[in-house]
Amino acid sequence: MIVSRADALFVMIAAALAAGLTTVVTGSGILGYFTGPVTLTLPVATDHQKASGLAFGATGHYTSLEATFPVLPSGPAVALAWSAGLNQVGVLAILAVLFLLAYRLRSEVLFTPRSGWIVAAGGAVLALAGTIGQFLDGVGRSRLAELAGANDRVPGESYLFSVEFNAAPLMVGIVLLLVGGVFQFGGRLQKDTEGLV
């Protein structure tokens, strides 16, 4: 047996504790956006912030800036708070699926009618929350970079919206959607074979 009942119980407890801990940390971070001070890494989406003092004749420009704000302006603070909240929803979706799988393994009844829907819903939530959360984070940080003067535009220079996109939440969400389909198929097979035993 790869996963014993004790292992499954441990995973369930760990998932529940992780859900509580990450929610508290995220809530604290969201509160910090509105009370300050906040230190953030901001994207520098312009190449006129030249790096000086480089050796071997190298040239370069800065692509990020670590800035500390006593209090964040309300617009970027709201965007960053929503981003953090959505990212936490994605984390909770993964932990809920993990808890469900451990629970089903512990009860030795893996394929139930609801399991497939729960796994698929967790994948959809993760994909949407992770993607929208990253977009809002990029909006908030880019706006802060503009307000702090890190992205001052110079004449003739084009400005691009700066956002770092991590495809992991989207990919894991799609995988979970497929796993949900596998669970539904497994549930149908299990129901079909129950009458044969």
N, C-alpha and C. Protein backbone atom coordinates (compact mmCIF):
# COMPACT_ATOMS: atom_id res chain seq x y z
N MET A 1 0.85 -1.19 0.00
CA MET A 1 0.00 0.00 0.00
C MET A 1 0.89 1.24 0.00
N ILE A 2 0.67 2.11 -0.97
CA ILE A 2 1.50 3.31 -1.09
C ILE A 2 1.14 4.34 -0.03
N VAL A 3 -0.15 4.56 0.21
CA VAL A 3 -0.62 5.52 1.20
C VAL A 3 -1.45 4.78 2.23
N SER A 4 -0.98 4.77 3.47
CA SER A 4 -1.73 4.11 4.54
C SER A 4 -2.80 5.05 5.07
N ARG A 5 -3.67 4.53 5.91
CA ARG A 5 -4.70 5.37 6.53
C ARG A 5 -4.07 6.44 7.41
N ALA A 6 -2.97 6.08 8.08
CA ALA A 6 -2.27 7.06 8.93
C ALA A 6 -1.65 8.16 8.08
N ASP A 7 -1.07 7.78 6.93
CA ASP A 7 -0.50 8.78 6.03
C ASP A 7 -1.58 9.74 5.52
N ALA A 8 -2.73 9.17 5.15
CA ALA A 8 -3.82 9.99 4.66
C ALA A 8 -4.32 10.95 5.74
N LEU A 9 -4.40 10.46 6.97
CA LEU A 9 -4.82 11.33 8.07
C LEU A 9 -3.82 12.46 8.29
N PHE A 10 -2.53 12.13 8.20
CA PHE A 10 -1.49 13.16 8.35
C PHE A 10 -1.63 14.22 7.26
N VAL A 11 -1.87 13.81 6.01
CA VAL A 11 -2.04 14.76 4.92
C VAL A 11 -3.27 15.63 5.16
N MET A 12 -4.35 15.05 5.66
CA MET A 12 -5.55 15.83 5.95
C MET A 12 -5.27 16.90 7.00
N ILE A 13 -4.59 16.50 8.07
CA ILE A 13 -4.28 17.46 9.14
C ILE A 13 -3.33 18.54 8.63
N ALA A 14 -2.32 18.14 7.85
CA ALA A 14 -1.36 19.11 7.31
C ALA A 14 -2.05 20.09 6.37
N ALA A 15 -2.97 19.60 5.54
CA ALA A 15 -3.68 20.49 4.62
C ALA A 15 -4.55 21.48 5.39
N ALA A 16 -5.22 21.02 6.43
CA ALA A 16 -6.07 21.91 7.22
C ALA A 16 -5.22 22.97 7.94
N LEU A 17 -4.09 22.56 8.50
CA LEU A 17 -3.21 23.52 9.18
C LEU A 17 -2.63 24.52 8.19
N ALA A 18 -2.22 24.03 7.02
CA ALA A 18 -1.67 24.93 6.00
C ALA A 18 -2.72 25.94 5.54
N ALA A 19 -3.97 25.49 5.41
CA ALA A 19 -5.04 26.41 5.02
C ALA A 19 -5.21 27.52 6.05
N GLY A 20 -5.22 27.15 7.32
CA GLY A 20 -5.36 28.16 8.37
C GLY A 20 -4.18 29.11 8.43
N LEU A 21 -2.96 28.56 8.36
CA LEU A 21 -1.76 29.38 8.46
C LEU A 21 -1.63 30.34 7.28
N THR A 22 -1.82 29.84 6.05
CA THR A 22 -1.68 30.71 4.89
C THR A 22 -2.77 31.78 4.85
N THR A 23 -3.95 31.46 5.35
CA THR A 23 -5.02 32.46 5.40
C THR A 23 -4.68 33.58 6.37
N VAL A 24 -4.12 33.23 7.53
CA VAL A 24 -3.72 34.25 8.50
C VAL A 24 -2.61 35.13 7.93
N VAL A 25 -1.61 34.51 7.30
CA VAL A 25 -0.49 35.28 6.73
C VAL A 25 -0.99 36.19 5.61
N THR A 26 -1.87 35.68 4.75
CA THR A 26 -2.41 36.49 3.67
C THR A 26 -3.25 37.65 4.22
N GLY A 27 -4.07 37.36 5.21
CA GLY A 27 -4.87 38.42 5.83
C GLY A 27 -4.00 39.51 6.44
N SER A 28 -2.92 39.10 7.07
CA SER A 28 -1.99 40.08 7.64
C SER A 28 -1.34 40.93 6.56
N GLY A 29 -0.98 40.27 5.43
CA GLY A 29 -0.38 41.02 4.33
C GLY A 29 -1.36 42.00 3.71
N ILE A 30 -2.61 41.58 3.56
CA ILE A 30 -3.64 42.47 3.01
C ILE A 30 -3.85 43.66 3.93
N LEU A 31 -3.90 43.43 5.22
CA LEU A 31 -4.05 44.52 6.18
C LEU A 31 -2.87 45.49 6.08
N GLY A 32 -1.67 44.94 5.87
CA GLY A 32 -0.47 45.77 5.75
C GLY A 32 -0.53 46.71 4.55
N TYR A 33 -1.22 46.30 3.47
CA TYR A 33 -1.33 47.18 2.31
C TYR A 33 -2.07 48.48 2.65
N PHE A 34 -2.96 48.42 3.65
CA PHE A 34 -3.77 49.59 3.98
C PHE A 34 -3.24 50.35 5.19
N THR A 35 -2.35 49.73 5.95
CA THR A 35 -1.84 50.41 7.15
C THR A 35 -0.39 50.85 7.00
N GLY A 36 0.40 50.16 6.14
CA GLY A 36 1.80 50.52 5.90
C GLY A 36 2.67 50.28 7.11
N PRO A 37 3.95 50.49 7.00
CA PRO A 37 4.70 50.67 5.75
C PRO A 37 4.81 49.35 4.98
N VAL A 38 4.99 49.49 3.65
CA VAL A 38 5.04 48.32 2.78
C VAL A 38 6.27 48.41 1.89
N THR A 39 7.03 47.33 1.81
CA THR A 39 8.18 47.25 0.90
C THR A 39 7.82 46.29 -0.22
N LEU A 40 7.91 46.77 -1.46
CA LEU A 40 7.53 45.99 -2.63
C LEU A 40 8.61 46.07 -3.70
N THR A 41 8.71 45.02 -4.48
CA THR A 41 9.56 45.05 -5.67
C THR A 41 8.69 45.50 -6.84
N LEU A 42 9.06 46.62 -7.43
CA LEU A 42 8.27 47.23 -8.50
C LEU A 42 8.95 47.01 -9.84
N PRO A 43 8.16 46.80 -10.90
CA PRO A 43 8.76 46.64 -12.22
C PRO A 43 9.18 48.00 -12.79
N VAL A 44 10.36 48.06 -13.37
CA VAL A 44 10.82 49.26 -14.05
C VAL A 44 10.72 48.97 -15.54
N ALA A 45 9.68 49.51 -16.17
CA ALA A 45 9.37 49.18 -17.56
C ALA A 45 9.91 50.23 -18.52
N THR A 46 11.00 50.87 -18.17
CA THR A 46 11.62 51.85 -19.04
C THR A 46 13.12 51.59 -19.03
N ASP A 47 13.80 51.93 -20.13
CA ASP A 47 15.24 51.66 -20.18
C ASP A 47 16.08 52.91 -19.95
N HIS A 48 15.45 53.99 -19.46
CA HIS A 48 16.26 55.18 -19.20
C HIS A 48 16.81 55.18 -17.77
N GLN A 49 16.50 54.15 -16.97
CA GLN A 49 17.11 54.00 -15.65
C GLN A 49 18.39 53.19 -15.83
N LYS A 50 19.45 53.86 -16.22
CA LYS A 50 20.70 53.20 -16.58
C LYS A 50 21.45 52.74 -15.34
N ALA A 51 22.09 51.58 -15.46
CA ALA A 51 22.95 51.07 -14.41
C ALA A 51 24.36 51.58 -14.66
N SER A 52 24.95 52.22 -13.66
CA SER A 52 26.29 52.79 -13.82
C SER A 52 27.30 51.97 -13.03
N GLY A 53 28.57 52.14 -13.38
CA GLY A 53 29.64 51.47 -12.65
C GLY A 53 29.85 50.01 -13.02
N LEU A 54 29.35 49.57 -14.17
CA LEU A 54 29.53 48.19 -14.59
C LEU A 54 30.92 48.00 -15.18
N ALA A 55 31.52 46.84 -14.95
CA ALA A 55 32.87 46.56 -15.42
C ALA A 55 32.85 45.98 -16.83
N PHE A 56 34.05 45.92 -17.45
CA PHE A 56 34.27 45.32 -18.76
C PHE A 56 33.47 46.00 -19.87
N GLY A 57 33.14 47.24 -19.68
CA GLY A 57 32.42 47.97 -20.71
C GLY A 57 30.96 47.59 -20.86
N ALA A 58 30.43 46.85 -19.88
CA ALA A 58 29.04 46.41 -19.95
C ALA A 58 28.10 47.59 -19.71
N THR A 59 26.97 47.54 -20.37
CA THR A 59 25.93 48.55 -20.15
C THR A 59 24.65 47.82 -19.75
N GLY A 60 23.78 48.54 -19.10
CA GLY A 60 22.53 47.92 -18.68
C GLY A 60 21.59 48.94 -18.10
N HIS A 61 20.38 48.48 -17.81
CA HIS A 61 19.38 49.32 -17.16
C HIS A 61 18.62 48.47 -16.15
N TYR A 62 17.99 49.14 -15.21
CA TYR A 62 17.29 48.46 -14.14
C TYR A 62 15.92 47.97 -14.62
N THR A 63 15.55 46.78 -14.21
CA THR A 63 14.24 46.24 -14.56
C THR A 63 13.32 46.11 -13.35
N SER A 64 13.85 46.35 -12.17
CA SER A 64 13.01 46.32 -10.97
C SER A 64 13.61 47.24 -9.92
N LEU A 65 12.78 47.60 -8.98
CA LEU A 65 13.16 48.52 -7.92
C LEU A 65 12.48 48.09 -6.64
N GLU A 66 13.21 47.99 -5.57
CA GLU A 66 12.61 47.70 -4.27
C GLU A 66 12.34 49.02 -3.57
N ALA A 67 11.08 49.29 -3.31
CA ALA A 67 10.67 50.57 -2.74
C ALA A 67 9.84 50.34 -1.48
N THR A 68 10.01 51.23 -0.52
CA THR A 68 9.23 51.19 0.72
C THR A 68 8.32 52.41 0.76
N PHE A 69 7.03 52.13 0.96
CA PHE A 69 6.02 53.19 1.02
C PHE A 69 5.49 53.27 2.45
N PRO A 70 5.46 54.47 3.05
CA PRO A 70 4.87 54.60 4.38
C PRO A 70 3.41 54.16 4.38
N VAL A 71 2.66 54.59 3.35
CA VAL A 71 1.26 54.20 3.16
C VAL A 71 1.03 54.10 1.65
N LEU A 72 0.38 53.04 1.22
CA LEU A 72 0.10 52.89 -0.20
C LEU A 72 -1.11 53.72 -0.61
N PRO A 73 -1.09 54.29 -1.81
CA PRO A 73 -2.29 54.94 -2.32
C PRO A 73 -3.42 53.92 -2.44
N SER A 74 -4.65 54.39 -2.34
CA SER A 74 -5.78 53.47 -2.23
C SER A 74 -5.97 52.58 -3.46
N GLY A 75 -5.79 53.11 -4.67
CA GLY A 75 -5.99 52.31 -5.88
C GLY A 75 -5.07 51.11 -5.97
N PRO A 76 -3.75 51.33 -5.92
CA PRO A 76 -2.84 50.18 -5.94
C PRO A 76 -3.01 49.26 -4.75
N ALA A 77 -3.34 49.81 -3.58
CA ALA A 77 -3.53 48.97 -2.40
C ALA A 77 -4.70 48.01 -2.60
N VAL A 78 -5.78 48.50 -3.20
CA VAL A 78 -6.94 47.65 -3.46
C VAL A 78 -6.59 46.56 -4.47
N ALA A 79 -5.86 46.93 -5.53
CA ALA A 79 -5.46 45.94 -6.54
C ALA A 79 -4.58 44.86 -5.92
N LEU A 80 -3.61 45.27 -5.10
CA LEU A 80 -2.71 44.30 -4.46
C LEU A 80 -3.46 43.43 -3.45
N ALA A 81 -4.41 44.03 -2.74
CA ALA A 81 -5.19 43.26 -1.77
C ALA A 81 -6.04 42.20 -2.47
N TRP A 82 -6.70 42.59 -3.57
CA TRP A 82 -7.48 41.62 -4.33
C TRP A 82 -6.59 40.53 -4.90
N SER A 83 -5.41 40.92 -5.36
CA SER A 83 -4.47 39.93 -5.89
C SER A 83 -4.09 38.92 -4.83
N ALA A 84 -3.74 39.40 -3.64
CA ALA A 84 -3.36 38.50 -2.56
C ALA A 84 -4.53 37.60 -2.17
N GLY A 85 -5.74 38.18 -2.11
CA GLY A 85 -6.91 37.38 -1.77
C GLY A 85 -7.20 36.30 -2.79
N LEU A 86 -7.09 36.64 -4.08
CA LEU A 86 -7.33 35.65 -5.13
C LEU A 86 -6.26 34.56 -5.13
N ASN A 87 -5.02 34.96 -4.90
CA ASN A 87 -3.95 33.95 -4.81
C ASN A 87 -4.21 33.00 -3.65
N GLN A 88 -4.72 33.53 -2.55
CA GLN A 88 -5.05 32.68 -1.40
C GLN A 88 -6.20 31.74 -1.72
N VAL A 89 -7.17 32.22 -2.48
CA VAL A 89 -8.28 31.35 -2.91
C VAL A 89 -7.72 30.19 -3.73
N GLY A 90 -6.74 30.46 -4.60
CA GLY A 90 -6.11 29.40 -5.37
C GLY A 90 -5.39 28.39 -4.48
N VAL A 91 -4.70 28.90 -3.47
CA VAL A 91 -4.01 28.01 -2.51
C VAL A 91 -5.03 27.14 -1.77
N LEU A 92 -6.12 27.77 -1.34
CA LEU A 92 -7.16 27.01 -0.63
C LEU A 92 -7.81 25.96 -1.53
N ALA A 93 -7.95 26.25 -2.82
CA ALA A 93 -8.50 25.26 -3.75
C ALA A 93 -7.61 24.04 -3.83
N ILE A 94 -6.29 24.27 -3.93
CA ILE A 94 -5.35 23.14 -3.97
C ILE A 94 -5.41 22.34 -2.67
N LEU A 95 -5.43 23.03 -1.54
CA LEU A 95 -5.46 22.35 -0.25
C LEU A 95 -6.77 21.58 -0.06
N ALA A 96 -7.87 22.12 -0.57
CA ALA A 96 -9.15 21.42 -0.48
C ALA A 96 -9.13 20.14 -1.29
N VAL A 97 -8.55 20.19 -2.49
CA VAL A 97 -8.44 18.98 -3.32
C VAL A 97 -7.53 17.97 -2.64
N LEU A 98 -6.43 18.44 -2.07
CA LEU A 98 -5.52 17.55 -1.35
C LEU A 98 -6.22 16.88 -0.16
N PHE A 99 -6.97 17.68 0.58
CA PHE A 99 -7.71 17.14 1.72
C PHE A 99 -8.72 16.10 1.26
N LEU A 100 -9.44 16.42 0.17
CA LEU A 100 -10.44 15.48 -0.36
C LEU A 100 -9.80 14.16 -0.78
N LEU A 101 -8.70 14.24 -1.51
CA LEU A 101 -8.04 13.01 -1.97
C LEU A 101 -7.56 12.18 -0.78
N ALA A 102 -6.99 12.83 0.22
CA ALA A 102 -6.53 12.09 1.40
C ALA A 102 -7.72 11.47 2.13
N TYR A 103 -8.81 12.20 2.24
CA TYR A 103 -10.00 11.67 2.90
C TYR A 103 -10.55 10.46 2.16
N ARG A 104 -10.61 10.57 0.84
CA ARG A 104 -11.12 9.45 0.03
C ARG A 104 -10.19 8.24 0.12
N LEU A 105 -8.89 8.46 0.13
CA LEU A 105 -7.95 7.34 0.28
C LEU A 105 -8.10 6.69 1.65
N ARG A 106 -8.32 7.52 2.67
CA ARG A 106 -8.47 6.98 4.03
C ARG A 106 -9.75 6.15 4.14
N SER A 107 -10.81 6.60 3.49
CA SER A 107 -12.07 5.85 3.56
C SER A 107 -12.12 4.70 2.55
N GLU A 108 -11.09 4.65 1.69
CA GLU A 108 -10.97 3.59 0.68
C GLU A 108 -12.12 3.60 -0.32
N VAL A 109 -12.77 4.75 -0.47
CA VAL A 109 -13.79 4.94 -1.50
C VAL A 109 -13.38 6.19 -2.28
N LEU A 110 -12.57 5.98 -3.32
CA LEU A 110 -11.97 7.11 -4.02
C LEU A 110 -12.94 7.76 -5.01
N PHE A 111 -13.67 6.95 -5.75
CA PHE A 111 -14.52 7.49 -6.82
C PHE A 111 -15.96 7.61 -6.35
N THR A 112 -16.35 8.83 -6.03
CA THR A 112 -17.74 9.11 -5.67
C THR A 112 -18.27 10.14 -6.66
N PRO A 113 -19.59 10.27 -6.76
CA PRO A 113 -20.13 11.23 -7.74
C PRO A 113 -19.63 12.66 -7.53
N ARG A 114 -19.44 13.08 -6.30
CA ARG A 114 -19.05 14.46 -6.04
C ARG A 114 -17.55 14.69 -6.16
N SER A 115 -16.75 13.64 -6.01
CA SER A 115 -15.30 13.83 -6.03
C SER A 115 -14.82 14.45 -7.32
N GLY A 116 -15.32 13.95 -8.45
CA GLY A 116 -14.91 14.51 -9.74
C GLY A 116 -15.26 15.97 -9.87
N TRP A 117 -16.47 16.34 -9.41
CA TRP A 117 -16.88 17.74 -9.49
C TRP A 117 -16.05 18.62 -8.58
N ILE A 118 -15.71 18.12 -7.41
CA ILE A 118 -14.90 18.92 -6.47
C ILE A 118 -13.50 19.14 -7.02
N VAL A 119 -12.89 18.09 -7.58
CA VAL A 119 -11.55 18.23 -8.13
C VAL A 119 -11.57 19.18 -9.32
N ALA A 120 -12.56 19.03 -10.21
CA ALA A 120 -12.66 19.91 -11.38
C ALA A 120 -12.92 21.36 -10.96
N ALA A 121 -13.79 21.55 -9.98
CA ALA A 121 -14.07 22.91 -9.50
C ALA A 121 -12.83 23.53 -8.87
N GLY A 122 -12.06 22.73 -8.13
CA GLY A 122 -10.80 23.23 -7.57
C GLY A 122 -9.84 23.68 -8.66
N GLY A 123 -9.78 22.90 -9.75
CA GLY A 123 -8.92 23.28 -10.86
C GLY A 123 -9.37 24.57 -11.53
N ALA A 124 -10.68 24.70 -11.74
CA ALA A 124 -11.20 25.92 -12.37
C ALA A 124 -10.95 27.14 -11.50
N VAL A 125 -11.18 26.99 -10.20
CA VAL A 125 -10.95 28.11 -9.27
C VAL A 125 -9.48 28.50 -9.27
N LEU A 126 -8.59 27.51 -9.22
CA LEU A 126 -7.16 27.80 -9.22
C LEU A 126 -6.74 28.53 -10.49
N ALA A 127 -7.20 28.04 -11.64
CA ALA A 127 -6.80 28.65 -12.91
C ALA A 127 -7.29 30.10 -12.99
N LEU A 128 -8.55 30.34 -12.65
CA LEU A 128 -9.10 31.69 -12.73
C LEU A 128 -8.50 32.63 -11.68
N ALA A 129 -8.48 32.17 -10.43
CA ALA A 129 -7.97 33.03 -9.36
C ALA A 129 -6.49 33.34 -9.56
N GLY A 130 -5.72 32.34 -9.96
CA GLY A 130 -4.29 32.56 -10.17
C GLY A 130 -4.00 33.53 -11.30
N THR A 131 -4.76 33.42 -12.39
CA THR A 131 -4.54 34.30 -13.54
C THR A 131 -4.98 35.72 -13.25
N ILE A 132 -6.19 35.87 -12.70
CA ILE A 132 -6.69 37.22 -12.39
C ILE A 132 -5.85 37.87 -11.29
N GLY A 133 -5.44 37.07 -10.30
CA GLY A 133 -4.60 37.60 -9.22
C GLY A 133 -3.28 38.15 -9.73
N GLN A 134 -2.66 37.45 -10.68
CA GLN A 134 -1.39 37.94 -11.24
C GLN A 134 -1.60 39.23 -12.03
N PHE A 135 -2.70 39.30 -12.77
CA PHE A 135 -3.00 40.52 -13.52
C PHE A 135 -3.17 41.71 -12.58
N LEU A 136 -3.94 41.53 -11.50
CA LEU A 136 -4.16 42.62 -10.55
C LEU A 136 -2.86 43.02 -9.85
N ASP A 137 -2.02 42.05 -9.56
CA ASP A 137 -0.72 42.34 -8.94
C ASP A 137 0.12 43.20 -9.89
N GLY A 138 0.11 42.85 -11.18
CA GLY A 138 0.86 43.64 -12.15
C GLY A 138 0.32 45.05 -12.28
N VAL A 139 -1.00 45.19 -12.25
CA VAL A 139 -1.61 46.52 -12.33
C VAL A 139 -1.20 47.36 -11.13
N GLY A 140 -1.31 46.80 -9.93
CA GLY A 140 -0.97 47.54 -8.72
C GLY A 140 0.49 47.94 -8.66
N ARG A 141 1.39 47.01 -8.99
CA ARG A 141 2.82 47.31 -8.92
C ARG A 141 3.25 48.30 -10.00
N SER A 142 2.69 48.16 -11.21
CA SER A 142 3.03 49.10 -12.28
C SER A 142 2.56 50.51 -11.93
N ARG A 143 1.37 50.61 -11.35
CA ARG A 143 0.85 51.92 -10.96
C ARG A 143 1.72 52.54 -9.87
N LEU A 144 2.15 51.73 -8.92
CA LEU A 144 3.03 52.23 -7.87
C LEU A 144 4.38 52.69 -8.44
N ALA A 145 4.89 51.94 -9.43
CA ALA A 145 6.15 52.33 -10.05
C ALA A 145 6.01 53.69 -10.74
N GLU A 146 4.86 53.92 -11.38
CA GLU A 146 4.62 55.22 -12.01
C GLU A 146 4.54 56.32 -10.96
N LEU A 147 3.78 56.06 -9.88
CA LEU A 147 3.61 57.07 -8.84
C LEU A 147 4.93 57.40 -8.15
N ALA A 148 5.82 56.38 -8.01
CA ALA A 148 7.10 56.60 -7.35
C ALA A 148 8.12 57.23 -8.28
N GLY A 149 7.80 57.36 -9.56
CA GLY A 149 8.73 57.97 -10.50
C GLY A 149 9.72 57.00 -11.11
N ALA A 150 9.55 55.71 -10.87
CA ALA A 150 10.48 54.73 -11.44
C ALA A 150 10.21 54.51 -12.92
N ASN A 151 9.00 54.81 -13.37
CA ASN A 151 8.63 54.61 -14.77
C ASN A 151 8.30 55.93 -15.44
N ASP A 152 9.08 56.97 -15.13
CA ASP A 152 8.86 58.25 -15.82
C ASP A 152 9.08 58.04 -17.31
N ARG A 153 8.14 58.49 -18.09
CA ARG A 153 8.25 58.34 -19.53
C ARG A 153 9.08 59.48 -20.12
N VAL A 154 9.91 59.15 -21.06
CA VAL A 154 10.66 60.17 -21.78
C VAL A 154 10.09 60.26 -23.19
N PRO A 155 10.23 61.43 -23.85
CA PRO A 155 9.65 61.58 -25.19
C PRO A 155 10.18 60.52 -26.16
N GLY A 156 9.28 59.96 -26.93
CA GLY A 156 9.67 58.98 -27.95
C GLY A 156 9.83 57.56 -27.43
N GLU A 157 9.67 57.37 -26.12
CA GLU A 157 9.84 56.03 -25.57
C GLU A 157 8.47 55.39 -25.40
N SER A 158 8.33 54.18 -25.92
CA SER A 158 7.05 53.48 -25.78
C SER A 158 6.99 52.86 -24.39
N TYR A 159 5.79 52.77 -23.85
CA TYR A 159 5.61 52.21 -22.51
C TYR A 159 4.76 50.95 -22.60
N LEU A 160 5.26 49.91 -22.01
CA LEU A 160 4.53 48.64 -21.98
C LEU A 160 4.07 48.37 -20.57
N PHE A 161 2.88 47.80 -20.48
CA PHE A 161 2.38 47.36 -19.17
C PHE A 161 3.27 46.22 -18.69
N SER A 162 3.80 46.33 -17.51
CA SER A 162 4.77 45.36 -17.02
C SER A 162 4.10 44.41 -16.04
N VAL A 163 4.10 43.14 -16.39
CA VAL A 163 3.56 42.13 -15.49
C VAL A 163 4.32 40.83 -15.70
N GLU A 164 4.65 40.17 -14.61
CA GLU A 164 5.29 38.86 -14.70
C GLU A 164 4.19 37.81 -14.59
N PHE A 165 4.12 36.94 -15.59
CA PHE A 165 3.07 35.93 -15.59
C PHE A 165 3.68 34.57 -15.31
N ASN A 166 3.17 33.91 -14.28
CA ASN A 166 3.58 32.56 -13.93
C ASN A 166 2.47 31.62 -14.40
N ALA A 167 2.81 30.74 -15.33
CA ALA A 167 1.79 29.86 -15.92
C ALA A 167 1.44 28.68 -15.02
N ALA A 168 2.13 28.51 -13.90
CA ALA A 168 1.91 27.33 -13.05
C ALA A 168 0.46 27.20 -12.56
N PRO A 169 -0.17 28.27 -12.01
CA PRO A 169 -1.57 28.10 -11.58
C PRO A 169 -2.50 27.69 -12.70
N LEU A 170 -2.30 28.27 -13.87
CA LEU A 170 -3.15 27.93 -15.01
C LEU A 170 -2.94 26.48 -15.42
N MET A 171 -1.68 26.04 -15.49
CA MET A 171 -1.39 24.67 -15.91
C MET A 171 -1.89 23.65 -14.88
N VAL A 172 -1.65 23.92 -13.60
CA VAL A 172 -2.13 23.00 -12.56
C VAL A 172 -3.65 22.97 -12.55
N GLY A 173 -4.28 24.12 -12.77
CA GLY A 173 -5.74 24.16 -12.84
C GLY A 173 -6.28 23.30 -13.97
N ILE A 174 -5.63 23.37 -15.13
CA ILE A 174 -6.05 22.54 -16.27
C ILE A 174 -5.85 21.06 -15.95
N VAL A 175 -4.73 20.73 -15.32
CA VAL A 175 -4.48 19.33 -14.94
C VAL A 175 -5.56 18.85 -13.98
N LEU A 176 -5.93 19.69 -13.01
CA LEU A 176 -6.98 19.28 -12.07
C LEU A 176 -8.33 19.11 -12.77
N LEU A 177 -8.61 19.94 -13.77
CA LEU A 177 -9.84 19.74 -14.54
C LEU A 177 -9.83 18.37 -15.22
N LEU A 178 -8.69 17.99 -15.78
CA LEU A 178 -8.58 16.68 -16.40
C LEU A 178 -8.69 15.55 -15.37
N VAL A 179 -8.07 15.75 -14.21
CA VAL A 179 -8.17 14.74 -13.15
C VAL A 179 -9.61 14.60 -12.68
N GLY A 180 -10.35 15.72 -12.63
CA GLY A 180 -11.78 15.66 -12.30
C GLY A 180 -12.54 14.80 -13.30
N GLY A 181 -12.20 14.94 -14.59
CA GLY A 181 -12.81 14.08 -15.60
C GLY A 181 -12.47 12.62 -15.40
N VAL A 182 -11.22 12.35 -15.01
CA VAL A 182 -10.81 10.97 -14.72
C VAL A 182 -11.61 10.42 -13.54
N PHE A 183 -11.82 11.24 -12.53
CA PHE A 183 -12.61 10.81 -11.37
C PHE A 183 -14.04 10.47 -11.78
N GLN A 184 -14.63 11.30 -12.63
CA GLN A 184 -16.00 11.01 -13.07
C GLN A 184 -16.05 9.72 -13.87
N PHE A 185 -15.07 9.51 -14.74
CA PHE A 185 -15.01 8.27 -15.51
C PHE A 185 -14.81 7.08 -14.58
N GLY A 186 -13.91 7.24 -13.59
CA GLY A 186 -13.69 6.16 -12.62
C GLY A 186 -14.93 5.87 -11.80
N GLY A 187 -15.70 6.90 -11.47
CA GLY A 187 -16.93 6.69 -10.74
C GLY A 187 -17.94 5.88 -11.54
N ARG A 188 -18.02 6.16 -12.85
CA ARG A 188 -18.93 5.38 -13.70
C ARG A 188 -18.47 3.92 -13.80
N LEU A 189 -17.16 3.72 -13.96
CA LEU A 189 -16.65 2.34 -14.02
C LEU A 189 -16.91 1.61 -12.71
N GLN A 190 -16.71 2.29 -11.58
CA GLN A 190 -16.94 1.66 -10.29
C GLN A 190 -18.42 1.28 -10.12
N LYS A 191 -19.29 2.16 -10.56
CA LYS A 191 -20.73 1.88 -10.47
C LYS A 191 -21.12 0.70 -11.36
N ASP A 192 -20.51 0.65 -12.55
CA ASP A 192 -20.80 -0.45 -13.47
C ASP A 192 -20.31 -1.80 -12.94
N THR A 193 -19.16 -1.78 -12.28
CA THR A 193 -18.58 -3.05 -11.79
C THR A 193 -19.18 -3.51 -10.47
N GLU A 194 -19.88 -2.61 -9.77
CA GLU A 194 -20.48 -3.03 -8.48
C GLU A 194 -21.50 -4.13 -8.68
N GLY A 195 -22.22 -4.09 -9.78
CA GLY A 195 -23.23 -5.11 -10.04
C GLY A 195 -22.64 -6.44 -10.48
N LEU A 196 -21.36 -6.41 -10.87
CA LEU A 196 -20.73 -7.66 -11.33
C LEU A 196 -20.10 -8.45 -10.22
N VAL A 197 -19.87 -7.82 -9.08
CA VAL A 197 -19.19 -8.51 -7.97
C VAL A 197 -20.19 -9.26 -7.13
